[in-house]
């Protein structure tokens, strides 16, 4: 597969998420896909997690900000946004909006995504949901007006 072909597969993956189409993952991912960040093995487990995210954040939207391909890997700098309008990991809806940025790395073999890694600031994600609050000490070390 060409580098441009690999990037096209990842663009289709983002499209599948934004169109709320977990079935499209069958075309894009290997049955034994491994998500290293979530420690999930198997495409079906990953589809279940995607469904859980979309129920918790019905307006979840992912944007590719940068995409780079080299060898069998594609790196994506992304931005996700959404509103916590449904239950998520046992958390009742807060109605809070979030914006998350991070980096995804995917490995592609024979036109299928076989592995993925994610680097994102989950502490800030849960803070935006209102689930985590900084202590007074943390507010001094990590002032909110500095980003």
N, C-alpha and C. Protein backbone atom coordinates (compact mmCIF):
# COMPACT_ATOMS: atom_id res chain seq x y z
N UNK A 1 0.86 -1.18 0.00
CA UNK A 1 0.00 0.00 0.00
C UNK A 1 0.90 1.24 0.00
N UNK A 2 0.50 2.26 -0.72
CA UNK A 2 1.27 3.49 -0.79
C UNK A 2 1.05 4.32 0.48
N UNK A 3 1.94 5.28 0.70
CA UNK A 3 1.78 6.17 1.85
C UNK A 3 0.46 6.95 1.74
N UNK A 4 0.14 7.41 0.54
CA UNK A 4 -1.13 8.14 0.35
C UNK A 4 -2.32 7.21 0.57
N UNK A 5 -2.19 5.96 0.17
CA UNK A 5 -3.25 4.98 0.40
C UNK A 5 -3.46 4.73 1.89
N UNK A 6 -2.37 4.64 2.64
CA UNK A 6 -2.47 4.46 4.09
C UNK A 6 -3.15 5.67 4.74
N UNK A 7 -2.79 6.87 4.30
CA UNK A 7 -3.44 8.06 4.87
C UNK A 7 -4.93 8.08 4.52
N UNK A 8 -5.28 7.62 3.33
CA UNK A 8 -6.69 7.59 2.93
C UNK A 8 -7.48 6.64 3.84
N UNK A 9 -6.88 5.52 4.23
CA UNK A 9 -7.55 4.60 5.15
C UNK A 9 -7.84 5.29 6.48
N UNK A 10 -6.90 6.05 6.99
CA UNK A 10 -7.10 6.74 8.27
C UNK A 10 -8.13 7.85 8.13
N UNK A 11 -8.13 8.53 7.01
CA UNK A 11 -9.18 9.55 6.79
C UNK A 11 -10.56 8.90 6.79
N UNK A 12 -10.67 7.72 6.20
CA UNK A 12 -11.95 6.99 6.19
C UNK A 12 -12.34 6.56 7.60
N UNK A 13 -11.34 6.21 8.43
CA UNK A 13 -11.61 5.85 9.82
C UNK A 13 -12.23 7.04 10.56
N UNK A 14 -11.66 8.22 10.40
CA UNK A 14 -12.22 9.42 11.03
C UNK A 14 -13.63 9.69 10.50
N UNK A 15 -13.82 9.49 9.22
CA UNK A 15 -15.15 9.66 8.61
C UNK A 15 -16.15 8.69 9.23
N UNK A 16 -15.74 7.45 9.45
CA UNK A 16 -16.63 6.44 10.04
C UNK A 16 -17.07 6.87 11.43
N UNK A 17 -16.14 7.40 12.23
CA UNK A 17 -16.47 7.87 13.58
C UNK A 17 -17.45 9.05 13.48
N UNK A 18 -17.13 10.01 12.63
CA UNK A 18 -17.98 11.20 12.53
C UNK A 18 -19.35 10.91 11.93
N UNK A 19 -19.46 9.84 11.14
CA UNK A 19 -20.76 9.44 10.58
C UNK A 19 -21.49 8.44 11.47
N UNK A 20 -20.88 8.10 12.62
CA UNK A 20 -21.49 7.14 13.56
C UNK A 20 -21.71 5.79 12.90
N UNK A 21 -20.69 5.31 12.19
CA UNK A 21 -20.83 4.08 11.42
C UNK A 21 -19.79 3.03 11.85
N UNK A 22 -19.99 2.40 13.03
CA UNK A 22 -19.03 1.38 13.48
C UNK A 22 -18.89 0.22 12.49
N UNK A 23 -19.91 -0.05 11.68
CA UNK A 23 -19.83 -1.16 10.72
C UNK A 23 -18.72 -0.93 9.69
N UNK A 24 -18.42 0.33 9.38
CA UNK A 24 -17.37 0.64 8.42
C UNK A 24 -16.00 0.19 8.93
N UNK A 25 -15.87 0.02 10.25
CA UNK A 25 -14.61 -0.43 10.81
C UNK A 25 -14.24 -1.82 10.29
N UNK A 26 -15.25 -2.63 9.94
CA UNK A 26 -14.98 -3.97 9.39
C UNK A 26 -14.14 -3.89 8.12
N UNK A 27 -14.36 -2.85 7.32
CA UNK A 27 -13.61 -2.67 6.08
C UNK A 27 -12.20 -2.14 6.33
N UNK A 28 -12.03 -1.40 7.42
CA UNK A 28 -10.79 -0.67 7.63
C UNK A 28 -9.80 -1.35 8.57
N UNK A 29 -10.31 -2.16 9.48
CA UNK A 29 -9.46 -2.72 10.53
C UNK A 29 -9.40 -4.23 10.45
N UNK A 30 -8.25 -4.76 10.84
CA UNK A 30 -8.07 -6.21 10.89
C UNK A 30 -8.90 -6.78 12.05
N UNK A 31 -9.39 -8.02 11.91
CA UNK A 31 -10.20 -8.63 12.98
C UNK A 31 -9.46 -8.70 14.31
N UNK A 32 -8.12 -8.80 14.26
CA UNK A 32 -7.33 -8.88 15.50
C UNK A 32 -6.65 -7.55 15.84
N UNK A 33 -7.27 -6.43 15.40
CA UNK A 33 -6.75 -5.08 15.68
C UNK A 33 -6.46 -4.93 17.18
N UNK A 34 -5.33 -4.30 17.49
CA UNK A 34 -4.93 -4.08 18.88
C UNK A 34 -4.87 -2.58 19.15
N UNK A 35 -5.61 -2.14 20.16
CA UNK A 35 -5.54 -0.76 20.65
C UNK A 35 -4.68 -0.78 21.90
N UNK A 36 -3.45 -0.29 21.77
CA UNK A 36 -2.50 -0.36 22.88
C UNK A 36 -2.87 0.58 24.03
N UNK A 37 -3.44 1.73 23.73
CA UNK A 37 -3.80 2.69 24.78
C UNK A 37 -4.92 2.15 25.66
N UNK A 38 -5.93 1.56 25.04
CA UNK A 38 -7.07 1.02 25.79
C UNK A 38 -6.87 -0.44 26.18
N UNK A 39 -5.77 -1.02 25.74
CA UNK A 39 -5.44 -2.42 26.00
C UNK A 39 -6.57 -3.35 25.53
N UNK A 40 -6.99 -3.12 24.30
CA UNK A 40 -8.05 -3.93 23.70
C UNK A 40 -7.48 -4.74 22.55
N UNK A 41 -7.93 -5.98 22.46
CA UNK A 41 -7.56 -6.85 21.35
C UNK A 41 -8.85 -7.31 20.69
N UNK A 42 -8.91 -7.20 19.42
CA UNK A 42 -10.04 -7.63 18.59
C UNK A 42 -10.89 -6.44 18.16
N UNK A 43 -11.22 -6.47 16.92
CA UNK A 43 -12.04 -5.43 16.31
C UNK A 43 -13.37 -5.26 17.04
N UNK A 44 -14.03 -6.35 17.41
CA UNK A 44 -15.34 -6.26 18.06
C UNK A 44 -15.26 -5.47 19.37
N UNK A 45 -14.20 -5.68 20.14
CA UNK A 45 -14.03 -4.94 21.40
C UNK A 45 -13.87 -3.46 21.11
N UNK A 46 -13.15 -3.12 20.06
CA UNK A 46 -12.96 -1.72 19.70
C UNK A 46 -14.26 -1.09 19.20
N UNK A 47 -15.07 -1.86 18.49
CA UNK A 47 -16.37 -1.35 18.04
C UNK A 47 -17.28 -1.07 19.25
N UNK A 48 -17.22 -1.94 20.26
CA UNK A 48 -18.02 -1.72 21.47
C UNK A 48 -17.59 -0.45 22.20
N UNK A 49 -16.29 -0.20 22.25
CA UNK A 49 -15.80 1.03 22.91
C UNK A 49 -16.24 2.25 22.11
N UNK A 50 -16.16 2.19 20.79
CA UNK A 50 -16.62 3.31 19.97
C UNK A 50 -18.10 3.57 20.23
N UNK A 51 -18.90 2.53 20.29
CA UNK A 51 -20.34 2.69 20.56
C UNK A 51 -20.55 3.33 21.93
N UNK A 52 -19.76 2.93 22.93
CA UNK A 52 -19.86 3.51 24.27
C UNK A 52 -19.54 5.01 24.22
N UNK A 53 -18.49 5.39 23.49
CA UNK A 53 -18.14 6.81 23.38
C UNK A 53 -19.25 7.59 22.69
N UNK A 54 -19.81 7.03 21.63
CA UNK A 54 -20.84 7.75 20.89
C UNK A 54 -22.14 7.87 21.68
N UNK A 55 -22.42 6.92 22.58
CA UNK A 55 -23.59 7.05 23.45
C UNK A 55 -23.35 8.12 24.51
N UNK A 56 -22.16 8.17 25.04
CA UNK A 56 -21.83 9.17 26.06
C UNK A 56 -21.70 10.57 25.50
N UNK A 57 -21.26 10.66 24.23
CA UNK A 57 -21.02 11.95 23.57
C UNK A 57 -21.63 11.89 22.17
N UNK A 58 -22.96 12.03 22.07
CA UNK A 58 -23.63 11.85 20.78
C UNK A 58 -23.16 12.81 19.69
N UNK A 59 -22.58 13.95 20.08
CA UNK A 59 -22.09 14.90 19.09
C UNK A 59 -20.57 14.82 18.92
N UNK A 60 -19.97 13.72 19.39
CA UNK A 60 -18.51 13.53 19.27
C UNK A 60 -18.09 13.80 17.83
N UNK A 61 -17.04 14.59 17.68
CA UNK A 61 -16.52 14.88 16.34
C UNK A 61 -15.00 14.90 16.39
N UNK A 62 -14.38 14.26 15.44
CA UNK A 62 -12.92 14.20 15.36
C UNK A 62 -12.45 14.90 14.10
N UNK A 63 -11.39 15.69 14.24
CA UNK A 63 -10.82 16.42 13.12
C UNK A 63 -9.34 16.07 13.00
N UNK A 64 -8.91 15.77 11.81
CA UNK A 64 -7.49 15.57 11.56
C UNK A 64 -6.85 16.94 11.37
N UNK A 65 -5.85 17.25 12.19
CA UNK A 65 -5.15 18.52 12.06
C UNK A 65 -3.86 18.37 11.25
N UNK A 66 -3.19 17.25 11.41
CA UNK A 66 -2.00 16.92 10.63
C UNK A 66 -2.00 15.41 10.43
N UNK A 67 -1.47 14.97 9.30
CA UNK A 67 -1.36 13.54 9.04
C UNK A 67 -0.05 13.29 8.29
N UNK A 68 0.71 12.32 8.80
CA UNK A 68 2.02 12.00 8.25
C UNK A 68 2.12 10.48 8.12
N UNK A 69 2.61 10.00 7.00
CA UNK A 69 2.79 8.56 6.80
C UNK A 69 4.26 8.27 6.52
N UNK A 70 4.72 7.17 7.09
CA UNK A 70 6.09 6.70 6.86
C UNK A 70 6.08 5.19 7.04
N UNK A 71 6.56 4.47 6.06
CA UNK A 71 6.56 3.01 6.14
C UNK A 71 5.14 2.48 6.29
N UNK A 72 4.92 1.66 7.31
CA UNK A 72 3.59 1.09 7.54
C UNK A 72 2.80 1.85 8.60
N UNK A 73 3.28 3.05 8.99
CA UNK A 73 2.62 3.81 10.06
C UNK A 73 2.08 5.14 9.56
N UNK A 74 0.98 5.56 10.20
CA UNK A 74 0.38 6.87 9.95
C UNK A 74 0.22 7.57 11.28
N UNK A 75 0.74 8.79 11.38
CA UNK A 75 0.61 9.62 12.58
C UNK A 75 -0.44 10.68 12.30
N UNK A 76 -1.31 10.90 13.28
CA UNK A 76 -2.36 11.90 13.15
C UNK A 76 -2.36 12.78 14.40
N UNK A 77 -2.25 14.10 14.19
CA UNK A 77 -2.51 15.04 15.28
C UNK A 77 -3.98 15.39 15.12
N UNK A 78 -4.76 15.16 16.18
CA UNK A 78 -6.21 15.28 16.06
C UNK A 78 -6.78 16.23 17.12
N UNK A 79 -8.03 16.61 16.86
CA UNK A 79 -8.83 17.35 17.84
C UNK A 79 -10.19 16.69 17.89
N UNK A 80 -10.65 16.42 19.11
CA UNK A 80 -11.99 15.86 19.31
C UNK A 80 -12.79 16.85 20.14
N UNK A 81 -14.08 16.93 19.83
CA UNK A 81 -14.99 17.77 20.61
C UNK A 81 -16.27 16.99 20.85
N UNK A 82 -17.00 17.39 21.87
CA UNK A 82 -18.27 16.74 22.14
C UNK A 82 -18.90 17.27 23.41
N UNK A 83 -20.09 16.77 23.68
CA UNK A 83 -20.85 17.14 24.87
C UNK A 83 -21.21 15.86 25.62
N UNK A 84 -20.96 15.84 26.91
CA UNK A 84 -21.25 14.66 27.73
C UNK A 84 -22.76 14.62 27.99
N UNK A 85 -23.49 14.02 27.04
CA UNK A 85 -24.95 14.01 27.10
C UNK A 85 -25.54 12.64 27.42
N UNK A 86 -24.69 11.63 27.55
CA UNK A 86 -25.15 10.29 27.88
C UNK A 86 -24.20 9.67 28.89
N UNK A 87 -24.61 8.54 29.46
CA UNK A 87 -23.75 7.87 30.43
C UNK A 87 -22.45 7.45 29.76
N UNK A 88 -21.34 7.62 30.46
CA UNK A 88 -20.03 7.27 29.95
C UNK A 88 -19.21 6.65 31.07
N UNK A 89 -18.86 5.40 30.92
CA UNK A 89 -18.06 4.68 31.93
C UNK A 89 -18.66 4.82 33.33
N UNK A 90 -19.97 4.73 33.41
CA UNK A 90 -20.66 4.82 34.68
C UNK A 90 -20.89 6.24 35.17
N UNK A 91 -20.44 7.24 34.41
CA UNK A 91 -20.63 8.64 34.80
C UNK A 91 -21.93 9.16 34.21
N UNK A 92 -22.78 9.68 35.08
CA UNK A 92 -24.02 10.29 34.60
C UNK A 92 -23.67 11.50 33.73
N UNK A 93 -24.50 11.83 32.74
CA UNK A 93 -24.22 12.98 31.87
C UNK A 93 -24.06 14.27 32.67
N UNK A 94 -23.03 15.03 32.33
CA UNK A 94 -22.79 16.32 33.00
C UNK A 94 -23.28 17.48 32.15
N UNK A 95 -23.46 17.24 30.85
CA UNK A 95 -23.81 18.33 29.94
C UNK A 95 -22.61 19.19 29.57
N UNK A 96 -21.44 18.87 30.11
CA UNK A 96 -20.25 19.66 29.83
C UNK A 96 -19.69 19.33 28.46
N UNK A 97 -19.16 20.37 27.82
CA UNK A 97 -18.48 20.20 26.54
C UNK A 97 -17.00 19.97 26.79
N UNK A 98 -16.35 19.30 25.85
CA UNK A 98 -14.91 19.10 25.95
C UNK A 98 -14.25 19.33 24.61
N UNK A 99 -12.99 19.67 24.67
CA UNK A 99 -12.10 19.72 23.51
C UNK A 99 -10.84 18.98 23.91
N UNK A 100 -10.45 18.02 23.11
CA UNK A 100 -9.28 17.21 23.41
C UNK A 100 -8.38 17.20 22.18
N UNK A 101 -7.09 17.30 22.40
CA UNK A 101 -6.14 17.16 21.31
C UNK A 101 -5.18 16.03 21.67
N UNK A 102 -4.60 15.45 20.65
CA UNK A 102 -3.66 14.37 20.91
C UNK A 102 -3.05 13.87 19.62
N UNK A 103 -2.35 12.75 19.76
CA UNK A 103 -1.68 12.12 18.63
C UNK A 103 -2.09 10.65 18.59
N UNK A 104 -2.43 10.20 17.42
CA UNK A 104 -2.73 8.79 17.17
C UNK A 104 -1.68 8.24 16.22
N UNK A 105 -1.26 7.03 16.45
CA UNK A 105 -0.35 6.35 15.54
C UNK A 105 -1.00 5.02 15.16
N UNK A 106 -1.11 4.78 13.88
CA UNK A 106 -1.70 3.54 13.39
C UNK A 106 -0.67 2.79 12.54
N UNK A 107 -0.72 1.47 12.63
CA UNK A 107 0.10 0.63 11.75
C UNK A 107 -0.86 -0.10 10.81
N UNK A 108 -0.51 -0.07 9.53
CA UNK A 108 -1.37 -0.63 8.49
C UNK A 108 -0.61 -1.73 7.75
N UNK A 109 -1.27 -2.87 7.59
CA UNK A 109 -0.70 -4.00 6.86
C UNK A 109 -1.73 -4.49 5.85
N UNK A 110 -1.32 -4.59 4.60
CA UNK A 110 -2.21 -5.09 3.53
C UNK A 110 -3.55 -4.36 3.50
N UNK A 111 -3.52 -3.04 3.68
CA UNK A 111 -4.73 -2.23 3.58
C UNK A 111 -5.64 -2.26 4.78
N UNK A 112 -5.20 -2.86 5.89
CA UNK A 112 -6.01 -2.92 7.11
C UNK A 112 -5.22 -2.34 8.28
N UNK A 113 -5.91 -1.63 9.15
CA UNK A 113 -5.31 -1.09 10.36
C UNK A 113 -5.16 -2.26 11.34
N UNK A 114 -3.93 -2.51 11.80
CA UNK A 114 -3.69 -3.66 12.67
C UNK A 114 -3.36 -3.27 14.11
N UNK A 115 -2.84 -2.04 14.30
CA UNK A 115 -2.49 -1.57 15.64
C UNK A 115 -2.71 -0.08 15.74
N UNK A 116 -2.98 0.37 16.97
CA UNK A 116 -3.12 1.80 17.20
C UNK A 116 -2.63 2.20 18.58
N UNK A 117 -2.04 3.39 18.66
CA UNK A 117 -1.57 3.97 19.92
C UNK A 117 -2.13 5.38 20.01
N UNK A 118 -2.48 5.82 21.20
CA UNK A 118 -3.03 7.16 21.41
C UNK A 118 -2.26 7.85 22.52
N UNK A 119 -1.95 9.13 22.30
CA UNK A 119 -1.38 9.97 23.34
C UNK A 119 -2.30 11.17 23.45
N UNK A 120 -2.97 11.30 24.60
CA UNK A 120 -3.91 12.41 24.83
C UNK A 120 -3.92 12.74 26.32
N UNK A 121 -4.37 13.93 26.65
CA UNK A 121 -4.40 14.39 28.03
C UNK A 121 -5.75 14.03 28.66
N UNK A 122 -5.84 12.82 29.21
CA UNK A 122 -7.10 12.38 29.81
C UNK A 122 -7.43 13.11 31.10
N UNK A 123 -6.42 13.58 31.81
CA UNK A 123 -6.67 14.35 33.02
C UNK A 123 -7.46 15.61 32.66
N UNK A 124 -7.04 16.31 31.62
CA UNK A 124 -7.76 17.51 31.20
C UNK A 124 -9.15 17.15 30.67
N UNK A 125 -9.27 16.03 29.96
CA UNK A 125 -10.57 15.57 29.46
C UNK A 125 -11.56 15.42 30.61
N UNK A 126 -11.16 14.68 31.66
CA UNK A 126 -12.05 14.47 32.80
C UNK A 126 -12.27 15.74 33.60
N UNK A 127 -11.29 16.64 33.61
CA UNK A 127 -11.47 17.93 34.26
C UNK A 127 -12.56 18.74 33.53
N UNK A 128 -12.52 18.72 32.20
CA UNK A 128 -13.53 19.44 31.42
C UNK A 128 -14.93 18.87 31.65
N UNK A 129 -15.02 17.58 31.90
CA UNK A 129 -16.32 16.98 32.19
C UNK A 129 -16.81 17.34 33.58
N UNK A 130 -15.92 17.86 34.42
CA UNK A 130 -16.29 18.22 35.79
C UNK A 130 -16.16 17.06 36.75
N UNK A 131 -15.49 16.00 36.32
CA UNK A 131 -15.33 14.81 37.15
C UNK A 131 -14.14 14.97 38.10
N UNK A 132 -13.13 15.71 37.66
CA UNK A 132 -11.93 15.93 38.45
C UNK A 132 -11.79 17.43 38.72
N UNK A 133 -11.50 17.75 39.95
CA UNK A 133 -11.23 19.15 40.30
C UNK A 133 -9.84 19.26 40.88
N UNK A 134 -9.14 20.30 40.50
CA UNK A 134 -7.81 20.52 41.05
C UNK A 134 -7.90 20.97 42.50
N UNK A 135 -6.96 20.51 43.30
CA UNK A 135 -6.84 21.01 44.68
C UNK A 135 -6.24 22.41 44.62
N UNK A 136 -6.26 23.10 45.74
CA UNK A 136 -5.66 24.45 45.78
C UNK A 136 -4.17 24.38 45.42
N UNK A 137 -3.49 23.35 45.89
CA UNK A 137 -2.08 23.19 45.58
C UNK A 137 -1.88 23.00 44.07
N UNK A 138 -2.71 22.17 43.44
CA UNK A 138 -2.60 21.94 42.00
C UNK A 138 -2.89 23.22 41.22
N UNK A 139 -3.84 24.04 41.70
CA UNK A 139 -4.16 25.29 41.00
C UNK A 139 -2.98 26.24 40.99
N UNK A 140 -2.15 26.18 42.06
CA UNK A 140 -0.96 27.03 42.10
C UNK A 140 0.10 26.51 41.13
N UNK A 141 0.24 25.18 41.06
CA UNK A 141 1.25 24.60 40.19
C UNK A 141 0.84 24.66 38.72
N UNK A 142 -0.47 24.44 38.46
CA UNK A 142 -0.99 24.42 37.10
C UNK A 142 -2.09 25.46 36.94
N UNK A 143 -1.73 26.75 36.89
CA UNK A 143 -2.76 27.78 36.76
C UNK A 143 -3.59 27.59 35.48
N UNK A 144 -4.90 27.77 35.59
CA UNK A 144 -5.80 27.52 34.46
C UNK A 144 -5.65 28.51 33.33
N UNK A 145 -5.11 29.70 33.61
CA UNK A 145 -4.99 30.69 32.55
C UNK A 145 -3.74 30.48 31.69
N UNK A 146 -2.96 29.46 32.01
CA UNK A 146 -1.76 29.15 31.23
C UNK A 146 -2.02 27.87 30.46
N UNK A 147 -2.00 27.93 29.16
CA UNK A 147 -2.19 26.73 28.34
C UNK A 147 -1.24 26.74 27.19
